[in-house]
Amino acid sequence: YVRKGDFDKSIPRLEHGVMLCQTMGIRFMFPWL
């Protein structure tokens, strides 16, 4: 959705992924999201 330019759809997915990275301690994926 970022590549498509549809930020209204990309932001919730990325925020959820970042939240999981932070709460579960999965640091490896954090920078990618």
PDB file of all heavy atoms in Angstrom:
ATOM      1  N   TYR A   1       0.817  -1.214   0.000  1.00  0.00           N
ATOM      2  CA  TYR A   1       0.000   0.000   0.000  1.00  0.00           C
ATOM      3  C   TYR A   1       0.855   1.271   0.000  1.00  0.00           C
ATOM      4  O   TYR A   1       0.439   2.285  -0.563  1.00  0.00           O
ATOM      5  CB  TYR A   1      -0.991  -0.015   1.166  1.00  0.00           C
ATOM      6  CG  TYR A   1      -2.162  -0.931   0.929  1.00  0.00           C
ATOM      7  CD1 TYR A   1      -2.481  -1.937   1.839  1.00  0.00           C
ATOM      8  CD2 TYR A   1      -2.957  -0.820  -0.215  1.00  0.00           C
ATOM      9  CE1 TYR A   1      -3.553  -2.792   1.622  1.00  0.00           C
ATOM     10  CE2 TYR A   1      -4.027  -1.664  -0.440  1.00  0.00           C
ATOM     11  CZ  TYR A   1      -4.321  -2.643   0.480  1.00  0.00           C
ATOM     12  OH  TYR A   1      -5.386  -3.480   0.250  1.00  0.00           O
ATOM     13  N   VAL A   2       2.037   1.238   0.593  1.00  0.00           N
ATOM     14  CA  VAL A   2       2.942   2.390   0.491  1.00  0.00           C
ATOM     15  C   VAL A   2       3.336   2.591  -0.967  1.00  0.00           C
ATOM     16  O   VAL A   2       3.289   3.703  -1.493  1.00  0.00           O
ATOM     17  CB  VAL A   2       4.196   2.213   1.383  1.00  0.00           C
ATOM     18  CG1 VAL A   2       5.301   3.195   1.000  1.00  0.00           C
ATOM     19  CG2 VAL A   2       3.834   2.373   2.849  1.00  0.00           C
ATOM     20  N   ARG A   3       3.734   1.489  -1.642  1.00  0.00           N
ATOM     21  CA  ARG A   3       4.132   1.597  -3.053  1.00  0.00           C
ATOM     22  C   ARG A   3       2.976   2.092  -3.923  1.00  0.00           C
ATOM     23  O   ARG A   3       3.177   2.818  -4.877  1.00  0.00           O
ATOM     24  CB  ARG A   3       4.621   0.244  -3.582  1.00  0.00           C
ATOM     25  CG  ARG A   3       5.949  -0.160  -3.026  1.00  0.00           C
ATOM     26  CD  ARG A   3       7.059   0.754  -3.544  1.00  0.00           C
ATOM     27  NE  ARG A   3       8.347   0.299  -3.116  1.00  0.00           N
ATOM     28  CZ  ARG A   3       9.035   0.841  -2.127  1.00  0.00           C
ATOM     29  NH1 ARG A   3       8.551   1.861  -1.446  1.00  0.00           N
ATOM     30  NH2 ARG A   3      10.221   0.376  -1.820  1.00  0.00           N
ATOM     31  N   LYS A   4       1.788   1.711  -3.560  1.00  0.00           N
ATOM     32  CA  LYS A   4       0.595   2.122  -4.313  1.00  0.00           C
ATOM     33  C   LYS A   4       0.220   3.573  -3.999  1.00  0.00           C
ATOM     34  O   LYS A   4      -0.526   4.200  -4.759  1.00  0.00           O
ATOM     35  CB  LYS A   4      -0.566   1.180  -3.981  1.00  0.00           C
ATOM     36  CG  LYS A   4      -1.779   1.376  -4.849  1.00  0.00           C
ATOM     37  CD  LYS A   4      -2.846   0.364  -4.538  1.00  0.00           C
ATOM     38  CE  LYS A   4      -4.006   0.602  -5.504  1.00  0.00           C
ATOM     39  NZ  LYS A   4      -5.280   0.394  -4.900  1.00  0.00           N
ATOM     40  N   GLY A   5       0.714   4.080  -2.878  1.00  0.00           N
ATOM     41  CA  GLY A   5       0.371   5.437  -2.472  1.00  0.00           C
ATOM     42  C   GLY A   5      -0.917   5.511  -1.673  1.00  0.00           C
ATOM     43  O   GLY A   5      -1.480   6.587  -1.481  1.00  0.00           O
ATOM     44  N   ASP A   6      -1.386   4.378  -1.186  1.00  0.00           N
ATOM     45  CA  ASP A   6      -2.623   4.308  -0.398  1.00  0.00           C
ATOM     46  C   ASP A   6      -2.250   4.244   1.084  1.00  0.00           C
ATOM     47  O   ASP A   6      -2.276   3.194   1.711  1.00  0.00           O
ATOM     48  CB  ASP A   6      -3.434   3.081  -0.814  1.00  0.00           C
ATOM     49  CG  ASP A   6      -4.837   3.084  -0.252  1.00  0.00           C
ATOM     50  OD1 ASP A   6      -5.088   3.830   0.723  1.00  0.00           O
ATOM     51  OD2 ASP A   6      -5.678   2.336  -0.782  1.00  0.00           O
ATOM     52  N   PHE A   7      -1.920   5.418   1.621  1.00  0.00           N
ATOM     53  CA  PHE A   7      -1.411   5.483   2.987  1.00  0.00           C
ATOM     54  C   PHE A   7      -2.483   5.206   4.035  1.00  0.00           C
ATOM     55  O   PHE A   7      -2.166   4.735   5.124  1.00  0.00           O
ATOM     56  CB  PHE A   7      -0.731   6.829   3.227  1.00  0.00           C
ATOM     57  CG  PHE A   7       0.372   7.079   2.232  1.00  0.00           C
ATOM     58  CD1 PHE A   7       0.275   8.101   1.301  1.00  0.00           C
ATOM     59  CD2 PHE A   7       1.487   6.248   2.194  1.00  0.00           C
ATOM     60  CE1 PHE A   7       1.284   8.309   0.370  1.00  0.00           C
ATOM     61  CE2 PHE A   7       2.495   6.449   1.265  1.00  0.00           C
ATOM     62  CZ  PHE A   7       2.392   7.483   0.348  1.00  0.00           C
ATOM     63  N   ASP A   8      -3.739   5.473   3.703  1.00  0.00           N
ATOM     64  CA  ASP A   8      -4.815   5.163   4.653  1.00  0.00           C
ATOM     65  C   ASP A   8      -4.905   3.665   4.926  1.00  0.00           C
ATOM     66  O   ASP A   8      -5.312   3.262   6.016  1.00  0.00           O
ATOM     67  CB  ASP A   8      -6.170   5.672   4.136  1.00  0.00           C
ATOM     68  CG  ASP A   8      -6.268   7.191   4.167  1.00  0.00           C
ATOM     69  OD1 ASP A   8      -5.528   7.814   4.955  1.00  0.00           O
ATOM     70  OD2 ASP A   8      -7.080   7.751   3.411  1.00  0.00           O
ATOM     71  N   LYS A   9      -4.510   2.849   3.957  1.00  0.00           N
ATOM     72  CA  LYS A   9      -4.519   1.393   4.163  1.00  0.00           C
ATOM     73  C   LYS A   9      -3.178   0.882   4.684  1.00  0.00           C
ATOM     74  O   LYS A   9      -3.136  -0.132   5.375  1.00  0.00           O
ATOM     75  CB  LYS A   9      -4.899   0.683   2.866  1.00  0.00           C
ATOM     76  CG  LYS A   9      -6.360   0.880   2.502  1.00  0.00           C
ATOM     77  CD  LYS A   9      -6.759   0.055   1.315  1.00  0.00           C
ATOM     78  CE  LYS A   9      -8.243   0.265   1.024  1.00  0.00           C
ATOM     79  NZ  LYS A   9      -8.664  -0.429  -0.183  1.00  0.00           N
ATOM     80  N   SER A  10      -2.098   1.571   4.341  1.00  0.00           N
ATOM     81  CA  SER A  10      -0.783   1.084   4.770  1.00  0.00           C
ATOM     82  C   SER A  10      -0.535   1.360   6.247  1.00  0.00           C
ATOM     83  O   SER A  10       0.007   0.500   6.951  1.00  0.00           O
ATOM     84  CB  SER A  10       0.337   1.707   3.931  1.00  0.00           C
ATOM     85  OG  SER A  10       0.446   3.098   4.177  1.00  0.00           O
ATOM     86  N   ILE A  11      -0.918   2.515   6.728  1.00  0.00           N
ATOM     87  CA  ILE A  11      -0.575   2.911   8.097  1.00  0.00           C
ATOM     88  C   ILE A  11      -1.122   1.945   9.152  1.00  0.00           C
ATOM     89  O   ILE A  11      -0.363   1.517  10.034  1.00  0.00           O
ATOM     90  CB  ILE A  11      -0.986   4.375   8.365  1.00  0.00           C
ATOM     91  CG1 ILE A  11      -0.085   5.296   7.536  1.00  0.00           C
ATOM     92  CG2 ILE A  11      -0.911   4.712   9.850  1.00  0.00           C
ATOM     93  CD1 ILE A  11      -0.519   6.753   7.523  1.00  0.00           C
ATOM     94  N   PRO A  12      -2.403   1.544   9.108  1.00  0.00           N
ATOM     95  CA  PRO A  12      -2.876   0.607  10.140  1.00  0.00           C
ATOM     96  C   PRO A  12      -2.119  -0.721  10.145  1.00  0.00           C
ATOM     97  O   PRO A  12      -1.820  -1.270  11.211  1.00  0.00           O
ATOM     98  CB  PRO A  12      -4.353   0.393   9.786  1.00  0.00           C
ATOM     99  CG  PRO A  12      -4.741   1.562   8.963  1.00  0.00           C
ATOM    100  CD  PRO A  12      -3.498   1.984   8.243  1.00  0.00           C
ATOM    101  N   ARG A  13      -1.786  -1.249   8.962  1.00  0.00           N
ATOM    102  CA  ARG A  13      -1.050  -2.516   8.901  1.00  0.00           C
ATOM    103  C   ARG A  13       0.345  -2.340   9.490  1.00  0.00           C
ATOM    104  O   ARG A  13       0.813  -3.161  10.265  1.00  0.00           O
ATOM    105  CB  ARG A  13      -0.945  -3.012   7.451  1.00  0.00           C
ATOM    106  CG  ARG A  13      -2.243  -3.477   6.883  1.00  0.00           C
ATOM    107  CD  ARG A  13      -2.706  -4.872   7.311  1.00  0.00           C
ATOM    108  NE  ARG A  13      -2.663  -5.251   8.677  1.00  0.00           N
ATOM    109  CZ  ARG A  13      -3.668  -5.134   9.584  1.00  0.00           C
ATOM    110  NH1 ARG A  13      -4.825  -4.634   9.236  1.00  0.00           N
ATOM    111  NH2 ARG A  13      -3.510  -5.533  10.831  1.00  0.00           N
ATOM    112  N   LEU A  14       1.026  -1.274   9.092  1.00  0.00           N
ATOM    113  CA  LEU A  14       2.387  -1.044   9.577  1.00  0.00           C
ATOM    114  C   LEU A  14       2.396  -0.750  11.075  1.00  0.00           C
ATOM    115  O   LEU A  14       3.267  -1.239  11.799  1.00  0.00           O
ATOM    116  CB  LEU A  14       3.048   0.091   8.790  1.00  0.00           C
ATOM    117  CG  LEU A  14       3.279  -0.219   7.309  1.00  0.00           C
ATOM    118  CD1 LEU A  14       3.699   1.038   6.558  1.00  0.00           C
ATOM    119  CD2 LEU A  14       4.300  -1.332   7.124  1.00  0.00           C
ATOM    120  N   GLU A  15       1.424   0.022  11.547  1.00  0.00           N
ATOM    121  CA  GLU A  15       1.343   0.303  12.986  1.00  0.00           C
ATOM    122  C   GLU A  15       1.113  -0.979  13.783  1.00  0.00           C
ATOM    123  O   GLU A  15       1.717  -1.176  14.841  1.00  0.00           O
ATOM    124  CB  GLU A  15       0.226   1.306  13.281  1.00  0.00           C
ATOM    125  CG  GLU A  15       0.582   2.724  12.907  1.00  0.00           C
ATOM    126  CD  GLU A  15      -0.546   3.715  13.163  1.00  0.00           C
ATOM    127  OE1 GLU A  15      -1.732   3.304  13.249  1.00  0.00           O
ATOM    128  OE2 GLU A  15      -0.245   4.924  13.250  1.00  0.00           O
ATOM    129  N   HIS A  16       0.257  -1.847  13.273  1.00  0.00           N
ATOM    130  CA  HIS A  16       0.016  -3.117  13.967  1.00  0.00           C
ATOM    131  C   HIS A  16       1.289  -3.957  14.002  1.00  0.00           C
ATOM    132  O   HIS A  16       1.641  -4.541  15.035  1.00  0.00           O
ATOM    133  CB  HIS A  16      -1.132  -3.885  13.293  1.00  0.00           C
ATOM    134  CG  HIS A  16      -1.486  -5.147  14.009  1.00  0.00           C
ATOM    135  ND1 HIS A  16      -1.061  -6.388  13.573  1.00  0.00           N
ATOM    136  CD2 HIS A  16      -2.193  -5.360  15.151  1.00  0.00           C
ATOM    137  CE1 HIS A  16      -1.503  -7.309  14.406  1.00  0.00           C
ATOM    138  NE2 HIS A  16      -2.199  -6.720  15.374  1.00  0.00           N
ATOM    139  N   GLY A  17       1.987  -4.022  12.885  1.00  0.00           N
ATOM    140  CA  GLY A  17       3.246  -4.781  12.843  1.00  0.00           C
ATOM    141  C   GLY A  17       4.294  -4.207  13.782  1.00  0.00           C
ATOM    142  O   GLY A  17       4.992  -4.952  14.481  1.00  0.00           O
ATOM    143  N   VAL A  18       4.416  -2.883  13.820  1.00  0.00           N
ATOM    144  CA  VAL A  18       5.370  -2.233  14.724  1.00  0.00           C
ATOM    145  C   VAL A  18       4.998  -2.535  16.178  1.00  0.00           C
ATOM    146  O   VAL A  18       5.861  -2.843  17.002  1.00  0.00           O
ATOM    147  CB  VAL A  18       5.428  -0.713  14.450  1.00  0.00           C
ATOM    148  CG1 VAL A  18       6.100   0.035  15.601  1.00  0.00           C
ATOM    149  CG2 VAL A  18       6.139  -0.432  13.139  1.00  0.00           C
ATOM    150  N   MET A  19       3.701  -2.472  16.489  1.00  0.00           N
ATOM    151  CA  MET A  19       3.242  -2.766  17.846  1.00  0.00           C
ATOM    152  C   MET A  19       3.613  -4.200  18.237  1.00  0.00           C
ATOM    153  O   MET A  19       4.101  -4.450  19.342  1.00  0.00           O
ATOM    154  CB  MET A  19       1.729  -2.549  17.953  1.00  0.00           C
ATOM    155  CG  MET A  19       1.139  -2.795  19.348  1.00  0.00           C
ATOM    156  SD  MET A  19       0.675  -4.518  19.702  1.00  0.00           S
ATOM    157  CE  MET A  19      -0.506  -4.886  18.435  1.00  0.00           C
ATOM    158  N   LEU A  20       3.407  -5.156  17.321  1.00  0.00           N
ATOM    159  CA  LEU A  20       3.788  -6.540  17.616  1.00  0.00           C
ATOM    160  C   LEU A  20       5.296  -6.668  17.820  1.00  0.00           C
ATOM    161  O   LEU A  20       5.744  -7.381  18.717  1.00  0.00           O
ATOM    162  CB  LEU A  20       3.327  -7.475  16.495  1.00  0.00           C
ATOM    163  CG  LEU A  20       1.856  -7.840  16.455  1.00  0.00           C
ATOM    164  CD1 LEU A  20       1.543  -8.643  15.196  1.00  0.00           C
ATOM    165  CD2 LEU A  20       1.453  -8.626  17.692  1.00  0.00           C
ATOM    166  N   CYS A  21       6.070  -5.988  17.000  1.00  0.00           N
ATOM    167  CA  CYS A  21       7.530  -6.012  17.170  1.00  0.00           C
ATOM    168  C   CYS A  21       7.913  -5.527  18.566  1.00  0.00           C
ATOM    169  O   CYS A  21       8.750  -6.140  19.240  1.00  0.00           O
ATOM    170  CB  CYS A  21       8.209  -5.121  16.133  1.00  0.00           C
ATOM    171  SG  CYS A  21       8.221  -5.758  14.456  1.00  0.00           S
ATOM    172  N   GLN A  22       7.297  -4.442  18.984  1.00  0.00           N
ATOM    173  CA  GLN A  22       7.646  -3.852  20.278  1.00  0.00           C
ATOM    174  C   GLN A  22       7.160  -4.712  21.437  1.00  0.00           C
ATOM    175  O   GLN A  22       7.912  -4.966  22.371  1.00  0.00           O
ATOM    176  CB  GLN A  22       7.073  -2.439  20.376  1.00  0.00           C
ATOM    177  CG  GLN A  22       7.756  -1.481  19.414  1.00  0.00           C
ATOM    178  CD  GLN A  22       7.076  -0.132  19.344  1.00  0.00           C
ATOM    179  OE1 GLN A  22       5.854  -0.030  19.404  1.00  0.00           O
ATOM    180  NE2 GLN A  22       7.885   0.915  19.206  1.00  0.00           N
ATOM    181  N   THR A  23       5.913  -5.149  21.390  1.00  0.00           N
ATOM    182  CA  THR A  23       5.365  -5.885  22.536  1.00  0.00           C
ATOM    183  C   THR A  23       5.932  -7.297  22.630  1.00  0.00           C
ATOM    184  O   THR A  23       6.044  -7.837  23.728  1.00  0.00           O
ATOM    185  CB  THR A  23       3.824  -5.954  22.495  1.00  0.00           C
ATOM    186  OG1 THR A  23       3.402  -6.594  21.293  1.00  0.00           O
ATOM    187  CG2 THR A  23       3.211  -4.577  22.592  1.00  0.00           C
ATOM    188  N   MET A  24       6.299  -7.892  21.515  1.00  0.00           N
ATOM    189  CA  MET A  24       6.811  -9.263  21.526  1.00  0.00           C
ATOM    190  C   MET A  24       8.342  -9.315  21.510  1.00  0.00           C
ATOM    191  O   MET A  24       8.917 -10.391  21.526  1.00  0.00           O
ATOM    192  CB  MET A  24       6.246 -10.049  20.335  1.00  0.00           C
ATOM    193  CG  MET A  24       4.724 -10.113  20.296  1.00  0.00           C
ATOM    194  SD  MET A  24       3.962 -10.690  21.823  1.00  0.00           S
ATOM    195  CE  MET A  24       4.482 -12.383  21.854  1.00  0.00           C
ATOM    196  N   GLY A  25       8.989  -8.158  21.438  1.00  0.00           N
ATOM    197  CA  GLY A  25      10.448  -8.118  21.441  1.00  0.00           C
ATOM    198  C   GLY A  25      11.079  -8.665  20.179  1.00  0.00           C
ATOM    199  O   GLY A  25      12.177  -9.212  20.206  1.00  0.00           O
ATOM    200  N   ILE A  26      10.396  -8.516  19.056  1.00  0.00           N
ATOM    201  CA  ILE A  26      10.915  -9.010  17.775  1.00  0.00           C
ATOM    202  C   ILE A  26      11.600  -7.832  17.078  1.00  0.00           C
ATOM    203  O   ILE A  26      11.034  -7.176  16.214  1.00  0.00           O
ATOM    204  CB  ILE A  26       9.783  -9.634  16.923  1.00  0.00           C
ATOM    205  CG1 ILE A  26       9.139 -10.785  17.707  1.00  0.00           C
ATOM    206  CG2 ILE A  26      10.332 -10.133  15.585  1.00  0.00           C
ATOM    207  CD1 ILE A  26       7.941 -11.415  17.043  1.00  0.00           C
ATOM    208  N   ARG A  27      12.822  -7.569  17.497  1.00  0.00           N
ATOM    209  CA  ARG A  27      13.558  -6.396  17.026  1.00  0.00           C
ATOM    210  C   ARG A  27      13.995  -6.497  15.573  1.00  0.00           C
ATOM    211  O   ARG A  27      14.155  -5.491  14.901  1.00  0.00           O
ATOM    212  CB  ARG A  27      14.777  -6.172  17.910  1.00  0.00           C
ATOM    213  CG  ARG A  27      14.379  -5.757  19.296  1.00  0.00           C
ATOM    214  CD  ARG A  27      15.592  -5.493  20.165  1.00  0.00           C
ATOM    215  NE  ARG A  27      15.314  -6.133  21.434  1.00  0.00           N
ATOM    216  CZ  ARG A  27      16.170  -6.806  22.140  1.00  0.00           C
ATOM    217  NH1 ARG A  27      17.399  -6.937  21.739  1.00  0.00           N
ATOM    218  NH2 ARG A  27      15.817  -7.366  23.272  1.00  0.00           N
ATOM    219  N   PHE A  28      14.190  -7.709  15.111  1.00  0.00           N
ATOM    220  CA  PHE A  28      14.683  -7.942  13.751  1.00  0.00           C
ATOM    221  C   PHE A  28      13.799  -7.276  12.697  1.00  0.00           C
ATOM    222  O   PHE A  28      14.290  -6.690  11.743  1.00  0.00           O
ATOM    223  CB  PHE A  28      14.780  -9.450  13.506  1.00  0.00           C
ATOM    224  CG  PHE A  28      15.055  -9.830  12.089  1.00  0.00           C
ATOM    225  CD1 PHE A  28      16.301  -9.616  11.530  1.00  0.00           C
ATOM    226  CD2 PHE A  28      14.069 -10.396  11.295  1.00  0.00           C
ATOM    227  CE1 PHE A  28      16.568  -9.968  10.220  1.00  0.00           C
ATOM    228  CE2 PHE A  28      14.324 -10.750   9.982  1.00  0.00           C
ATOM    229  CZ  PHE A  28      15.574 -10.527   9.449  1.00  0.00           C
ATOM    230  N   MET A  29      12.496  -7.371  12.869  1.00  0.00           N
ATOM    231  CA  MET A  29      11.571  -6.856  11.849  1.00  0.00           C
ATOM    232  C   MET A  29      11.222  -5.375  12.042  1.00  0.00           C
ATOM    233  O   MET A  29      10.713  -4.741  11.135  1.00  0.00           O
ATOM    234  CB  MET A  29      10.281  -7.680  11.853  1.00  0.00           C
ATOM    235  CG  MET A  29      10.427  -9.072  11.299  1.00  0.00           C
ATOM    236  SD  MET A  29      10.926  -9.093   9.562  1.00  0.00           S
ATOM    237  CE  MET A  29       9.558  -8.252   8.794  1.00  0.00           C
ATOM    238  N   PHE A  30      11.483  -4.837  13.217  1.00  0.00           N
ATOM    239  CA  PHE A  30      11.082  -3.461  13.518  1.00  0.00           C
ATOM    240  C   PHE A  30      11.536  -2.450  12.463  1.00  0.00           C
ATOM    241  O   PHE A  30      10.720  -1.676  11.965  1.00  0.00           O
ATOM    242  CB  PHE A  30      11.567  -3.049  14.920  1.00  0.00           C
ATOM    243  CG  PHE A  30      11.202  -1.637  15.267  1.00  0.00           C
ATOM    244  CD1 PHE A  30       9.946  -1.340  15.782  1.00  0.00           C
ATOM    245  CD2 PHE A  30      12.099  -0.607  15.076  1.00  0.00           C
ATOM    246  CE1 PHE A  30       9.591  -0.034  16.088  1.00  0.00           C
ATOM    247  CE2 PHE A  30      11.767   0.697  15.369  1.00  0.00           C
ATOM    248  CZ  PHE A  30      10.510   0.985  15.888  1.00  0.00           C
ATOM    249  N   PRO A  31      12.827  -2.422  12.084  1.00  0.00           N
ATOM    250  CA  PRO A  31      13.240  -1.398  11.109  1.00  0.00           C
ATOM    251  C   PRO A  31      12.556  -1.548   9.752  1.00  0.00           C
ATOM    252  O   PRO A  31      12.334  -0.562   9.053  1.00  0.00           O
ATOM    253  CB  PRO A  31      14.752  -1.568  10.992  1.00  0.00           C
ATOM    254  CG  PRO A  31      15.130  -2.731  11.812  1.00  0.00           C
ATOM    255  CD  PRO A  31      13.938  -3.222  12.563  1.00  0.00           C
ATOM    256  N   TRP A  32      12.225  -2.781   9.374  1.00  0.00           N
ATOM    257  CA  TRP A  32      11.607  -2.996   8.077  1.00  0.00           C
ATOM    258  C   TRP A  32      10.222  -2.357   8.036  1.00  0.00           C
ATOM    259  O   TRP A  32       9.820  -1.813   7.021  1.00  0.00           O
ATOM    260  CB  TRP A  32      11.527  -4.478   7.758  1.00  0.00           C
ATOM    261  CG  TRP A  32      12.858  -5.153   7.577  1.00  0.00           C
ATOM    262  CD1 TRP A  32      14.092  -4.665   7.898  1.00  0.00           C
ATOM    263  CD2 TRP A  32      13.078  -6.444   7.038  1.00  0.00           C
ATOM    264  NE1 TRP A  32      15.050  -5.585   7.594  1.00  0.00           N
ATOM    265  CE2 TRP A  32      14.472  -6.681   7.066  1.00  0.00           C
ATOM    266  CE3 TRP A  32      12.245  -7.424   6.544  1.00  0.00           C
ATOM    267  CZ2 TRP A  32      15.036  -7.858   6.608  1.00  0.00           C
ATOM    268  CZ3 TRP A  32      12.825  -8.600   6.088  1.00  0.00           C
ATOM    269  CH2 TRP A  32      14.204  -8.809   6.121  1.00  0.00           C
ATOM    270  N   LEU A  33       9.479  -2.473   9.119  1.00  0.00           N
ATOM    271  CA  LEU A  33       8.149  -1.885   9.166  1.00  0.00           C
ATOM    272  C   LEU A  33       8.212  -0.392   9.490  1.00  0.00           C
ATOM    273  O   LEU A  33       7.535   0.414   8.846  1.00  0.00           O
ATOM    274  CB  LEU A  33       7.271  -2.597  10.207  1.00  0.00           C
ATOM    275  CG  LEU A  33       6.755  -3.954   9.756  1.00  0.00           C
ATOM    276  CD1 LEU A  33       7.615  -5.056  10.273  1.00  0.00           C
ATOM    277  CD2 LEU A  33       5.319  -4.134  10.149  1.00  0.00           C
TER     278      LEU A  33
END
